[in-house]
Protein backbone atom coordinates (compact mmCIF):
# COMPACT_ATOMS: atom_id res chain seq x y z
CA UNK A 1 -0.70 -11.28 88.19
CA UNK A 2 -0.51 -8.21 85.97
CA UNK A 3 2.51 -6.99 84.07
CA UNK A 4 2.68 -4.04 86.47
CA UNK A 5 2.84 -6.48 89.39
CA UNK A 6 5.57 -8.52 87.76
CA UNK A 7 7.62 -5.36 87.10
CA UNK A 8 7.22 -4.29 90.74
CA UNK A 9 8.40 -7.71 91.83
CA UNK A 10 11.41 -7.49 89.55
CA UNK A 11 12.35 -4.11 91.01
CA UNK A 12 12.08 -5.57 94.49
CA UNK A 13 14.10 -8.73 93.95
CA UNK A 14 16.37 -7.78 91.03
CA UNK A 15 15.50 -10.78 88.89
CA UNK A 16 16.26 -9.19 85.50
CA UNK A 17 17.03 -5.50 85.11
CA UNK A 18 18.68 -4.91 88.44
CA UNK A 19 20.63 -8.12 88.52
CA UNK A 20 24.39 -7.68 88.82
CA UNK A 21 25.02 -10.65 86.57
CA UNK A 22 22.94 -9.33 83.65
CA UNK A 23 22.35 -5.63 83.06
CA UNK A 24 23.27 -3.59 86.16
CA UNK A 25 26.53 -2.92 87.94
CA UNK A 26 27.35 -1.45 91.36
CA UNK A 27 28.36 2.19 91.33
CA UNK A 28 28.78 4.76 94.10
CA UNK A 29 25.99 7.31 93.76
CA UNK A 30 26.03 10.23 96.25
CA UNK A 31 28.24 8.20 98.55
CA UNK A 32 26.03 5.07 98.52
CA UNK A 33 26.86 1.83 96.67
CA UNK A 34 23.87 1.05 94.47
CA UNK A 35 23.01 -1.41 91.72
CA UNK A 36 22.26 0.68 88.64
CA UNK A 37 22.82 1.05 84.89
CA UNK A 38 24.84 3.84 83.32
CA UNK A 39 24.18 4.65 79.67
CA UNK A 40 25.27 7.24 77.15
CA UNK A 41 22.70 9.50 75.53
CA UNK A 42 21.68 7.85 72.29
CA UNK A 43 19.24 10.38 70.87
CA UNK A 44 21.83 13.05 70.13
CA UNK A 45 25.14 11.21 69.56
CA UNK A 46 26.70 14.25 67.85
CA UNK A 47 26.83 16.01 71.22
CA UNK A 48 28.61 13.26 73.16
CA UNK A 49 32.08 14.19 74.21
CA UNK A 50 32.44 17.66 72.79
CA UNK A 51 34.01 20.54 74.67
CA UNK A 52 32.21 23.87 74.33
CA UNK A 53 33.69 26.89 76.06
CA UNK A 54 35.55 24.73 78.63
CA UNK A 55 32.39 22.76 79.52
CA UNK A 56 31.76 19.11 78.69
CA UNK A 57 28.61 18.99 76.55
CA UNK A 58 27.73 15.27 76.45
CA UNK A 59 24.89 13.85 78.52
CA UNK A 60 24.46 10.37 79.95
CA UNK A 61 21.74 8.49 81.78
CA UNK A 62 21.56 6.80 85.16
CA UNK A 63 18.86 4.13 85.60
CA UNK A 64 18.37 3.44 89.28
CA UNK A 65 15.59 2.07 91.48
CA UNK A 66 13.60 4.94 93.00
CA UNK A 67 13.99 3.36 96.48
CA UNK A 68 17.68 4.24 96.44
CA UNK A 69 16.78 7.95 96.89
CA UNK A 70 14.77 9.65 99.61
CA UNK A 71 13.12 11.81 96.90
CA UNK A 72 13.38 12.26 93.19
CA UNK A 73 16.42 14.33 92.33
CA UNK A 74 15.72 17.67 90.67
CA UNK A 75 17.28 19.28 87.56
CA UNK A 76 20.35 21.44 88.24
CA UNK A 77 21.24 19.56 91.42
CA UNK A 78 24.68 18.00 91.67
CA UNK A 79 25.03 14.26 91.67
CA UNK A 80 28.18 12.33 92.41
CA UNK A 81 28.79 9.07 90.52
CA UNK A 82 31.93 7.06 91.31
CA UNK A 83 33.48 10.16 92.91
CA UNK A 84 32.89 12.49 89.96
CA UNK A 85 30.62 15.52 90.22
CA UNK A 86 27.89 15.89 87.60
CA UNK A 87 24.90 18.16 87.19
CA UNK A 88 21.41 16.71 86.77
CA UNK A 89 19.71 17.88 83.54
CA UNK A 90 16.41 16.01 83.78
CA UNK A 91 14.71 13.30 85.85
CA UNK A 92 11.80 10.98 85.24
CA UNK A 93 10.12 8.24 87.29
CA UNK A 94 9.44 5.33 84.97
CA UNK A 95 7.38 2.79 86.99
CA UNK A 96 9.69 2.84 90.00
CA UNK A 97 12.94 3.47 88.09
CA UNK A 98 14.46 6.91 88.12
CA UNK A 99 15.90 7.85 84.73
CA UNK A 100 18.36 10.64 85.51
CA UNK A 101 19.97 12.56 82.66
CA UNK A 102 23.23 14.08 83.85
CA UNK A 103 26.12 16.02 82.40
CA UNK A 104 29.65 16.58 83.53
CA UNK A 105 31.08 20.09 83.70
CA UNK A 106 34.83 20.13 83.64
CA UNK A 107 34.93 23.81 84.54
CA UNK A 108 31.63 24.77 86.15
CA UNK A 109 32.76 28.41 86.71
CA UNK A 110 33.03 29.02 82.97
CA UNK A 111 29.43 27.77 82.60
CA UNK A 112 28.15 29.58 85.69
CA UNK A 113 30.41 32.58 86.39
CA UNK A 114 28.38 33.52 89.55
CA UNK A 115 29.19 30.19 91.26
């Protein structure tokens, strides 16, 4: 069995990364309860939690099995996590796990006056 096969098995049965007792937790994502991992952006910590012009500037990441979505979400689409609206900044498929960078806008109309 290759490492790729072992990783695919782990995604299917949740032995390690998507195990509710170890790394992941259940959160409501777009109205569906899913096992996932939420993490703060670590590459640019100086931007976490700052308000700029009424908009929240910090980004976070959602790690979720690709099978939880019908298609890969696209940048600039909204995503709802635990009842809070966010905007997707970037997405990546990492061997069956979607890594979704998202950001919360406290006042979206200041950021996008045409909305």
